[in-house]
């Protein structure tokens, strides 16, 4: 496989699955931190989050945890060193 910055090469099916899992994990992290930031801003001077807000934050964290587990599992299926390096290069772009 010939990799360049413009053409990182074709990933295996396992690496493509890991890449998709990474994107899902990144999205769930963003949702969690956006909610956390909104609550922090809302209650920075006074008050406390409602039970519903706390529950929503807990739900977002559970979703993120499951996405992290799915990414770790997908990465464990990428056995080929060259394929793993191509995937890591893609994740860093």
PDB file of N, CA and C in Angstrom:
ATOM      1  N   UNK A   1       0.845  -1.168   0.000  1.00  0.00           N
ATOM      2  CA  UNK A   1       0.000   0.000   0.000  1.00  0.00           C
ATOM      3  C   UNK A   1       0.893   1.233   0.000  1.00  0.00           C
ATOM      4  N   UNK A   2       0.618   2.184  -0.894  1.00  0.00           N
ATOM      5  CA  UNK A   2       1.391   3.412  -0.972  1.00  0.00           C
ATOM      6  C   UNK A   2       0.589   4.521  -0.325  1.00  0.00           C
ATOM      7  N   UNK A   3       1.069   5.016   0.802  1.00  0.00           N
ATOM      8  CA  UNK A   3       0.370   6.051   1.538  1.00  0.00           C
ATOM      9  C   UNK A   3       1.058   7.386   1.340  1.00  0.00           C
ATOM     10  N   UNK A   4       0.258   8.398   1.151  1.00  0.00           N
ATOM     11  CA  UNK A   4       0.734   9.771   1.144  1.00  0.00           C
ATOM     12  C   UNK A   4      -0.258  10.586   1.946  1.00  0.00           C
ATOM     13  N   UNK A   5       0.037  11.829   2.172  1.00  0.00           N
ATOM     14  CA  UNK A   5      -0.886  12.688   2.912  1.00  0.00           C
ATOM     15  C   UNK A   5      -2.203  12.838   2.148  1.00  0.00           C
ATOM     16  N   UNK A   6      -2.118  12.867   0.803  1.00  0.00           N
ATOM     17  CA  UNK A   6      -3.323  13.020  -0.007  1.00  0.00           C
ATOM     18  C   UNK A   6      -4.044  11.705  -0.251  1.00  0.00           C
ATOM     19  N   UNK A   7      -3.327  10.586  -0.127  1.00  0.00           N
ATOM     20  CA  UNK A   7      -3.900   9.272  -0.389  1.00  0.00           C
ATOM     21  C   UNK A   7      -3.446   8.316   0.707  1.00  0.00           C
ATOM     22  N   UNK A   8      -4.179   8.312   1.839  1.00  0.00           N
ATOM     23  CA  UNK A   8      -3.723   7.489   2.949  1.00  0.00           C
ATOM     24  C   UNK A   8      -3.864   5.991   2.727  1.00  0.00           C
ATOM     25  N   UNK A   9      -4.390   5.557   1.615  1.00  0.00           N
ATOM     26  CA  UNK A   9      -4.505   4.131   1.352  1.00  0.00           C
ATOM     27  C   UNK A   9      -5.850   3.583   1.758  1.00  0.00           C
ATOM     28  N   UNK A  10      -6.156   2.437   1.209  1.00  0.00           N
ATOM     29  CA  UNK A  10      -7.428   1.780   1.495  1.00  0.00           C
ATOM     30  C   UNK A  10      -7.306   1.011   2.802  1.00  0.00           C
ATOM     31  N   UNK A  11      -8.305   1.167   3.635  1.00  0.00           N
ATOM     32  CA  UNK A  11      -8.323   0.447   4.906  1.00  0.00           C
ATOM     33  C   UNK A  11      -9.064  -0.875   4.737  1.00  0.00           C
ATOM     34  N   UNK A  12      -8.707  -1.834   5.552  1.00  0.00           N
ATOM     35  CA  UNK A  12      -9.417  -3.111   5.566  1.00  0.00           C
ATOM     36  C   UNK A  12     -10.818  -2.898   6.133  1.00  0.00           C
ATOM     37  N   UNK A  13     -11.643  -3.892   5.986  1.00  0.00           N
ATOM     38  CA  UNK A  13     -12.997  -3.814   6.544  1.00  0.00           C
ATOM     39  C   UNK A  13     -12.945  -3.624   8.061  1.00  0.00           C
ATOM     40  N   UNK A  14     -12.005  -4.299   8.719  1.00  0.00           N
ATOM     41  CA  UNK A  14     -11.871  -4.162  10.172  1.00  0.00           C
ATOM     42  C   UNK A  14     -11.468  -2.736  10.557  1.00  0.00           C
ATOM     43  N   UNK A  15     -10.546  -2.161   9.804  1.00  0.00           N
ATOM     44  CA  UNK A  15     -10.109  -0.794  10.085  1.00  0.00           C
ATOM     45  C   UNK A  15     -11.218   0.210   9.779  1.00  0.00           C
ATOM     46  N   UNK A  16     -11.986  -0.029   8.737  1.00  0.00           N
ATOM     47  CA  UNK A  16     -13.134   0.841   8.430  1.00  0.00           C
ATOM     48  C   UNK A  16     -14.155   0.789   9.564  1.00  0.00           C
ATOM     49  N   UNK A  17     -14.372  -0.401  10.120  1.00  0.00           N
ATOM     50  CA  UNK A  17     -15.279  -0.541  11.261  1.00  0.00           C
ATOM     51  C   UNK A  17     -14.750   0.236  12.457  1.00  0.00           C
ATOM     52  N   UNK A  18     -13.451   0.148  12.694  1.00  0.00           N
ATOM     53  CA  UNK A  18     -12.840   0.890  13.801  1.00  0.00           C
ATOM     54  C   UNK A  18     -12.941   2.393  13.569  1.00  0.00           C
ATOM     55  N   UNK A  19     -12.769   2.821  12.338  1.00  0.00           N
ATOM     56  CA  UNK A  19     -12.887   4.241  12.016  1.00  0.00           C
ATOM     57  C   UNK A  19     -14.313   4.732  12.280  1.00  0.00           C
ATOM     58  N   UNK A  20     -15.299   3.963  11.880  1.00  0.00           N
ATOM     59  CA  UNK A  20     -16.697   4.331  12.141  1.00  0.00           C
ATOM     60  C   UNK A  20     -16.974   4.361  13.643  1.00  0.00           C
ATOM     61  N   UNK A  21     -16.412   3.408  14.365  1.00  0.00           N
ATOM     62  CA  UNK A  21     -16.597   3.371  15.822  1.00  0.00           C
ATOM     63  C   UNK A  21     -15.936   4.583  16.468  1.00  0.00           C
ATOM     64  N   UNK A  22     -14.799   4.996  15.954  1.00  0.00           N
ATOM     65  CA  UNK A  22     -14.121   6.182  16.462  1.00  0.00           C
ATOM     66  C   UNK A  22     -14.986   7.424  16.254  1.00  0.00           C
ATOM     67  N   UNK A  23     -15.549   7.562  15.069  1.00  0.00           N
ATOM     68  CA  UNK A  23     -16.404   8.716  14.777  1.00  0.00           C
ATOM     69  C   UNK A  23     -17.624   8.739  15.704  1.00  0.00           C
ATOM     70  N   UNK A  24     -18.218   7.575  15.948  1.00  0.00           N
ATOM     71  CA  UNK A  24     -19.370   7.499  16.856  1.00  0.00           C
ATOM     72  C   UNK A  24     -18.952   7.862  18.278  1.00  0.00           C
ATOM     73  N   UNK A  25     -17.775   7.418  18.685  1.00  0.00           N
ATOM     74  CA  UNK A  25     -17.264   7.728  20.013  1.00  0.00           C
ATOM     75  C   UNK A  25     -17.001   9.233  20.138  1.00  0.00           C
ATOM     76  N   UNK A  26     -16.425   9.816  19.118  1.00  0.00           N
ATOM     77  CA  UNK A  26     -16.144  11.255  19.134  1.00  0.00           C
ATOM     78  C   UNK A  26     -17.441  12.069  19.215  1.00  0.00           C
ATOM     79  N   UNK A  27     -18.450  11.629  18.486  1.00  0.00           N
ATOM     80  CA  UNK A  27     -19.739  12.318  18.504  1.00  0.00           C
ATOM     81  C   UNK A  27     -20.404  12.213  19.880  1.00  0.00           C
ATOM     82  N   UNK A  28     -20.350  11.037  20.492  1.00  0.00           N
ATOM     83  CA  UNK A  28     -20.980  10.874  21.806  1.00  0.00           C
ATOM     84  C   UNK A  28     -20.246  11.688  22.871  1.00  0.00           C
ATOM     85  N   UNK A  29     -18.947  11.794  22.735  1.00  0.00           N
ATOM     86  CA  UNK A  29     -18.158  12.624  23.655  1.00  0.00           C
ATOM     87  C   UNK A  29     -18.572  14.084  23.527  1.00  0.00           C
ATOM     88  N   UNK A  30     -18.723  14.541  22.292  1.00  0.00           N
ATOM     89  CA  UNK A  30     -19.119  15.929  22.054  1.00  0.00           C
ATOM     90  C   UNK A  30     -20.497  16.222  22.653  1.00  0.00           C
ATOM     91  N   UNK A  31     -21.424  15.302  22.488  1.00  0.00           N
ATOM     92  CA  UNK A  31     -22.767  15.499  23.055  1.00  0.00           C
ATOM     93  C   UNK A  31     -22.708  15.587  24.572  1.00  0.00           C
ATOM     94  N   UNK A  32     -21.934  14.702  25.188  1.00  0.00           N
ATOM     95  CA  UNK A  32     -21.810  14.704  26.646  1.00  0.00           C
ATOM     96  C   UNK A  32     -21.208  16.025  27.130  1.00  0.00           C
ATOM     97  N   UNK A  33     -20.087  16.415  26.542  1.00  0.00           N
ATOM     98  CA  UNK A  33     -19.429  17.636  26.995  1.00  0.00           C
ATOM     99  C   UNK A  33     -20.240  18.890  26.676  1.00  0.00           C
ATOM    100  N   UNK A  34     -20.996  18.895  25.601  1.00  0.00           N
ATOM    101  CA  UNK A  34     -21.863  20.031  25.298  1.00  0.00           C
ATOM    102  C   UNK A  34     -22.945  20.175  26.369  1.00  0.00           C
ATOM    103  N   UNK A  35     -23.534  19.053  26.757  1.00  0.00           N
ATOM    104  CA  UNK A  35     -24.552  19.081  27.812  1.00  0.00           C
ATOM    105  C   UNK A  35     -23.937  19.528  29.137  1.00  0.00           C
ATOM    106  N   UNK A  36     -22.778  19.007  29.468  1.00  0.00           N
ATOM    107  CA  UNK A  36     -22.091  19.368  30.704  1.00  0.00           C
ATOM    108  C   UNK A  36     -21.759  20.860  30.716  1.00  0.00           C
ATOM    109  N   UNK A  37     -21.272  21.359  29.603  1.00  0.00           N
ATOM    110  CA  UNK A  37     -20.933  22.782  29.501  1.00  0.00           C
ATOM    111  C   UNK A  37     -22.187  23.653  29.624  1.00  0.00           C
ATOM    112  N   UNK A  38     -23.260  23.249  28.994  1.00  0.00           N
ATOM    113  CA  UNK A  38     -24.508  24.011  29.079  1.00  0.00           C
ATOM    114  C   UNK A  38     -25.014  24.061  30.526  1.00  0.00           C
ATOM    115  N   UNK A  39     -24.936  22.944  31.218  1.00  0.00           N
ATOM    116  CA  UNK A  39     -25.370  22.915  32.618  1.00  0.00           C
ATOM    117  C   UNK A  39     -24.453  23.771  33.480  1.00  0.00           C
ATOM    118  N   UNK A  40     -23.171  23.702  33.227  1.00  0.00           N
ATOM    119  CA  UNK A  40     -22.215  24.504  33.983  1.00  0.00           C
ATOM    120  C   UNK A  40     -22.498  25.987  33.789  1.00  0.00           C
ATOM    121  N   UNK A  41     -22.748  26.388  32.562  1.00  0.00           N
ATOM    122  CA  UNK A  41     -23.034  27.793  32.263  1.00  0.00           C
ATOM    123  C   UNK A  41     -24.365  28.218  32.916  1.00  0.00           C
ATOM    124  N   UNK A  42     -25.355  27.362  32.811  1.00  0.00           N
ATOM    125  CA  UNK A  42     -26.683  27.675  33.352  1.00  0.00           C
ATOM    126  C   UNK A  42     -26.652  27.860  34.869  1.00  0.00           C
ATOM    127  N   UNK A  43     -25.859  27.055  35.542  1.00  0.00           N
ATOM    128  CA  UNK A  43     -25.854  27.062  37.010  1.00  0.00           C
ATOM    129  C   UNK A  43     -24.558  27.618  37.595  1.00  0.00           C
ATOM    130  N   UNK A  44     -23.802  28.345  36.811  1.00  0.00           N
ATOM    131  CA  UNK A  44     -22.503  28.811  37.284  1.00  0.00           C
ATOM    132  C   UNK A  44     -22.630  29.779  38.459  1.00  0.00           C
ATOM    133  N   UNK A  45     -23.662  30.582  38.488  1.00  0.00           N
ATOM    134  CA  UNK A  45     -23.807  31.569  39.563  1.00  0.00           C
ATOM    135  C   UNK A  45     -24.782  31.158  40.662  1.00  0.00           C
ATOM    136  N   UNK A  46     -25.749  30.352  40.344  1.00  0.00           N
ATOM    137  CA  UNK A  46     -26.715  29.913  41.344  1.00  0.00           C
ATOM    138  C   UNK A  46     -27.530  28.741  40.812  1.00  0.00           C
ATOM    139  N   UNK A  47     -28.111  28.029  41.754  1.00  0.00           N
ATOM    140  CA  UNK A  47     -28.982  26.914  41.403  1.00  0.00           C
ATOM    141  C   UNK A  47     -28.227  25.613  41.182  1.00  0.00           C
ATOM    142  N   UNK A  48     -29.014  24.583  40.972  1.00  0.00           N
ATOM    143  CA  UNK A  48     -28.476  23.241  40.774  1.00  0.00           C
ATOM    144  C   UNK A  48     -29.237  22.566  39.642  1.00  0.00           C
ATOM    145  N   UNK A  49     -28.589  21.675  38.938  1.00  0.00           N
ATOM    146  CA  UNK A  49     -29.278  20.949  37.865  1.00  0.00           C
ATOM    147  C   UNK A  49     -30.485  20.172  38.405  1.00  0.00           C
ATOM    148  N   UNK A  50     -31.495  20.080  37.571  1.00  0.00           N
ATOM    149  CA  UNK A  50     -32.673  19.299  37.942  1.00  0.00           C
ATOM    150  C   UNK A  50     -32.344  17.815  37.865  1.00  0.00           C
ATOM    151  N   UNK A  51     -33.212  17.013  38.453  1.00  0.00           N
ATOM    152  CA  UNK A  51     -33.024  15.564  38.353  1.00  0.00           C
ATOM    153  C   UNK A  51     -33.063  15.118  36.894  1.00  0.00           C
ATOM    154  N   UNK A  52     -33.918  15.739  36.114  1.00  0.00           N
ATOM    155  CA  UNK A  52     -34.001  15.406  34.691  1.00  0.00           C
ATOM    156  C   UNK A  52     -32.712  15.737  33.951  1.00  0.00           C
ATOM    157  N   UNK A  53     -32.116  16.879  34.272  1.00  0.00           N
ATOM    158  CA  UNK A  53     -30.847  17.251  33.643  1.00  0.00           C
ATOM    159  C   UNK A  53     -29.731  16.292  34.048  1.00  0.00           C
ATOM    160  N   UNK A  54     -29.715  15.932  35.308  1.00  0.00           N
ATOM    161  CA  UNK A  54     -28.713  14.970  35.779  1.00  0.00           C
ATOM    162  C   UNK A  54     -28.900  13.617  35.101  1.00  0.00           C
ATOM    163  N   UNK A  55     -30.147  13.206  34.961  1.00  0.00           N
ATOM    164  CA  UNK A  55     -30.437  11.928  34.316  1.00  0.00           C
ATOM    165  C   UNK A  55     -29.999  11.959  32.847  1.00  0.00           C
ATOM    166  N   UNK A  56     -30.266  13.069  32.166  1.00  0.00           N
ATOM    167  CA  UNK A  56     -29.855  13.197  30.761  1.00  0.00           C
ATOM    168  C   UNK A  56     -28.340  13.108  30.636  1.00  0.00           C
ATOM    169  N   UNK A  57     -27.623  13.770  31.550  1.00  0.00           N
ATOM    170  CA  UNK A  57     -26.164  13.717  31.532  1.00  0.00           C
ATOM    171  C   UNK A  57     -25.666  12.292  31.779  1.00  0.00           C
ATOM    172  N   UNK A  58     -26.294  11.604  32.729  1.00  0.00           N
ATOM    173  CA  UNK A  58     -25.933  10.207  32.992  1.00  0.00           C
ATOM    174  C   UNK A  58     -26.165   9.328  31.768  1.00  0.00           C
ATOM    175  N   UNK A  59     -27.282   9.560  31.081  1.00  0.00           N
ATOM    176  CA  UNK A  59     -27.590   8.779  29.878  1.00  0.00           C
ATOM    177  C   UNK A  59     -26.536   9.022  28.795  1.00  0.00           C
ATOM    178  N   UNK A  60     -26.159  10.284  28.623  1.00  0.00           N
ATOM    179  CA  UNK A  60     -25.138  10.611  27.619  1.00  0.00           C
ATOM    180  C   UNK A  60     -23.802   9.952  27.960  1.00  0.00           C
ATOM    181  N   UNK A  61     -23.467   9.914  29.242  1.00  0.00           N
ATOM    182  CA  UNK A  61     -22.221   9.273  29.647  1.00  0.00           C
ATOM    183  C   UNK A  61     -22.272   7.765  29.400  1.00  0.00           C
ATOM    184  N   UNK A  62     -23.397   7.148  29.663  1.00  0.00           N
ATOM    185  CA  UNK A  62     -23.541   5.710  29.405  1.00  0.00           C
ATOM    186  C   UNK A  62     -23.417   5.407  27.917  1.00  0.00           C
ATOM    187  N   UNK A  63     -24.009   6.244  27.085  1.00  0.00           N
ATOM    188  CA  UNK A  63     -23.895   6.067  25.636  1.00  0.00           C
ATOM    189  C   UNK A  63     -22.433   6.196  25.223  1.00  0.00           C
ATOM    190  N   UNK A  64     -21.761   7.215  25.760  1.00  0.00           N
ATOM    191  CA  UNK A  64     -20.352   7.405  25.418  1.00  0.00           C
ATOM    192  C   UNK A  64     -19.515   6.205  25.869  1.00  0.00           C
ATOM    193  N   UNK A  65     -19.764   5.730  27.073  1.00  0.00           N
ATOM    194  CA  UNK A  65     -19.034   4.552  27.560  1.00  0.00           C
ATOM    195  C   UNK A  65     -19.206   3.359  26.621  1.00  0.00           C
ATOM    196  N   UNK A  66     -20.417   3.164  26.127  1.00  0.00           N
ATOM    197  CA  UNK A  66     -20.651   2.041  25.209  1.00  0.00           C
ATOM    198  C   UNK A  66     -19.922   2.261  23.884  1.00  0.00           C
ATOM    199  N   UNK A  67     -19.849   3.509  23.441  1.00  0.00           N
ATOM    200  CA  UNK A  67     -19.128   3.817  22.198  1.00  0.00           C
ATOM    201  C   UNK A  67     -17.622   3.602  22.375  1.00  0.00           C
ATOM    202  N   UNK A  68     -17.094   3.936  23.548  1.00  0.00           N
ATOM    203  CA  UNK A  68     -15.675   3.696  23.826  1.00  0.00           C
ATOM    204  C   UNK A  68     -15.394   2.191  23.791  1.00  0.00           C
ATOM    205  N   UNK A  69     -16.267   1.410  24.416  1.00  0.00           N
ATOM    206  CA  UNK A  69     -16.104  -0.049  24.409  1.00  0.00           C
ATOM    207  C   UNK A  69     -16.156  -0.602  22.988  1.00  0.00           C
ATOM    208  N   UNK A  70     -17.088  -0.086  22.187  1.00  0.00           N
ATOM    209  CA  UNK A  70     -17.209  -0.547  20.804  1.00  0.00           C
ATOM    210  C   UNK A  70     -15.950  -0.197  20.005  1.00  0.00           C
ATOM    211  N   UNK A  71     -15.398   0.987  20.237  1.00  0.00           N
ATOM    212  CA  UNK A  71     -14.169   1.377  19.546  1.00  0.00           C
ATOM    213  C   UNK A  71     -13.017   0.469  19.967  1.00  0.00           C
ATOM    214  N   UNK A  72     -12.880   0.222  21.260  1.00  0.00           N
ATOM    215  CA  UNK A  72     -11.795  -0.650  21.735  1.00  0.00           C
ATOM    216  C   UNK A  72     -11.916  -2.048  21.133  1.00  0.00           C
ATOM    217  N   UNK A  73     -13.125  -2.552  21.070  1.00  0.00           N
ATOM    218  CA  UNK A  73     -13.354  -3.876  20.481  1.00  0.00           C
ATOM    219  C   UNK A  73     -12.990  -3.863  18.990  1.00  0.00           C
ATOM    220  N   UNK A  74     -13.416  -2.820  18.290  1.00  0.00           N
ATOM    221  CA  UNK A  74     -13.114  -2.725  16.855  1.00  0.00           C
ATOM    222  C   UNK A  74     -11.606  -2.622  16.628  1.00  0.00           C
ATOM    223  N   UNK A  75     -10.926  -1.857  17.454  1.00  0.00           N
ATOM    224  CA  UNK A  75      -9.466  -1.732  17.313  1.00  0.00           C
ATOM    225  C   UNK A  75      -8.772  -3.065  17.562  1.00  0.00           C
ATOM    226  N   UNK A  76      -9.301  -3.864  18.463  1.00  0.00           N
ATOM    227  CA  UNK A  76      -8.677  -5.157  18.747  1.00  0.00           C
ATOM    228  C   UNK A  76      -8.777  -6.110  17.558  1.00  0.00           C
ATOM    229  N   UNK A  77      -9.677  -5.812  16.622  1.00  0.00           N
ATOM    230  CA  UNK A  77      -9.855  -6.657  15.442  1.00  0.00           C
ATOM    231  C   UNK A  77      -8.930  -6.255  14.290  1.00  0.00           C
ATOM    232  N   UNK A  78      -8.247  -5.117  14.425  1.00  0.00           N
ATOM    233  CA  UNK A  78      -7.313  -4.655  13.392  1.00  0.00           C
ATOM    234  C   UNK A  78      -5.952  -5.247  13.727  1.00  0.00           C
ATOM    235  N   UNK A  79      -5.659  -6.390  13.115  1.00  0.00           N
ATOM    236  CA  UNK A  79      -4.451  -7.152  13.456  1.00  0.00           C
ATOM    237  C   UNK A  79      -3.215  -6.726  12.683  1.00  0.00           C
ATOM    238  N   UNK A  80      -3.397  -6.387  11.432  1.00  0.00           N
ATOM    239  CA  UNK A  80      -2.268  -6.091  10.562  1.00  0.00           C
ATOM    240  C   UNK A  80      -1.617  -4.764  10.964  1.00  0.00           C
ATOM    241  N   UNK A  81      -0.310  -4.771  11.198  1.00  0.00           N
ATOM    242  CA  UNK A  81       0.407  -3.578  11.644  1.00  0.00           C
ATOM    243  C   UNK A  81       0.300  -2.451  10.629  1.00  0.00           C
ATOM    244  N   UNK A  82       0.458  -2.754   9.365  1.00  0.00           N
ATOM    245  CA  UNK A  82       0.368  -1.733   8.316  1.00  0.00           C
ATOM    246  C   UNK A  82      -1.034  -1.127   8.280  1.00  0.00           C
ATOM    247  N   UNK A  83      -2.034  -1.974   8.405  1.00  0.00           N
ATOM    248  CA  UNK A  83      -3.424  -1.520   8.409  1.00  0.00           C
ATOM    249  C   UNK A  83      -3.687  -0.644   9.639  1.00  0.00           C
ATOM    250  N   UNK A  84      -3.173  -1.055  10.776  1.00  0.00           N
ATOM    251  CA  UNK A  84      -3.339  -0.289  12.021  1.00  0.00           C
ATOM    252  C   UNK A  84      -2.685   1.094  11.886  1.00  0.00           C
ATOM    253  N   UNK A  85      -1.492   1.135  11.288  1.00  0.00           N
ATOM    254  CA  UNK A  85      -0.796   2.413  11.102  1.00  0.00           C
ATOM    255  C   UNK A  85      -1.558   3.325  10.139  1.00  0.00           C
ATOM    256  N   UNK A  86      -2.129   2.753   9.083  1.00  0.00           N
ATOM    257  CA  UNK A  86      -2.933   3.546   8.145  1.00  0.00           C
ATOM    258  C   UNK A  86      -4.160   4.104   8.849  1.00  0.00           C
ATOM    259  N   UNK A  87      -4.773   3.304   9.706  1.00  0.00           N
ATOM    260  CA  UNK A  87      -5.927   3.759  10.465  1.00  0.00           C
ATOM    261  C   UNK A  87      -5.536   4.887  11.415  1.00  0.00           C
ATOM    262  N   UNK A  88      -4.451   4.716  12.124  1.00  0.00           N
ATOM    263  CA  UNK A  88      -3.995   5.751  13.065  1.00  0.00           C
ATOM    264  C   UNK A  88      -3.686   7.039  12.315  1.00  0.00           C
ATOM    265  N   UNK A  89      -3.078   6.915  11.148  1.00  0.00           N
ATOM    266  CA  UNK A  89      -2.810   8.099  10.336  1.00  0.00           C
ATOM    267  C   UNK A  89      -4.129   8.788   9.970  1.00  0.00           C
ATOM    268  N   UNK A  90      -5.118   8.014   9.595  1.00  0.00           N
ATOM    269  CA  UNK A  90      -6.429   8.578   9.235  1.00  0.00           C
ATOM    270  C   UNK A  90      -7.078   9.252  10.440  1.00  0.00           C
ATOM    271  N   UNK A  91      -6.926   8.667  11.623  1.00  0.00           N
ATOM    272  CA  UNK A  91      -7.511   9.255  12.830  1.00  0.00           C
ATOM    273  C   UNK A  91      -6.848  10.578  13.202  1.00  0.00           C
ATOM    274  N   UNK A  92      -5.589  10.727  12.826  1.00  0.00           N
ATOM    275  CA  UNK A  92      -4.843  11.941  13.165  1.00  0.00           C
ATOM    276  C   UNK A  92      -5.034  13.073  12.170  1.00  0.00           C
ATOM    277  N   UNK A  93      -5.848  12.857  11.143  1.00  0.00           N
ATOM    278  CA  UNK A  93      -6.060  13.919  10.148  1.00  0.00           C
ATOM    279  C   UNK A  93      -7.335  14.664  10.413  1.00  0.00           C
TER     280      UNK A  93
END
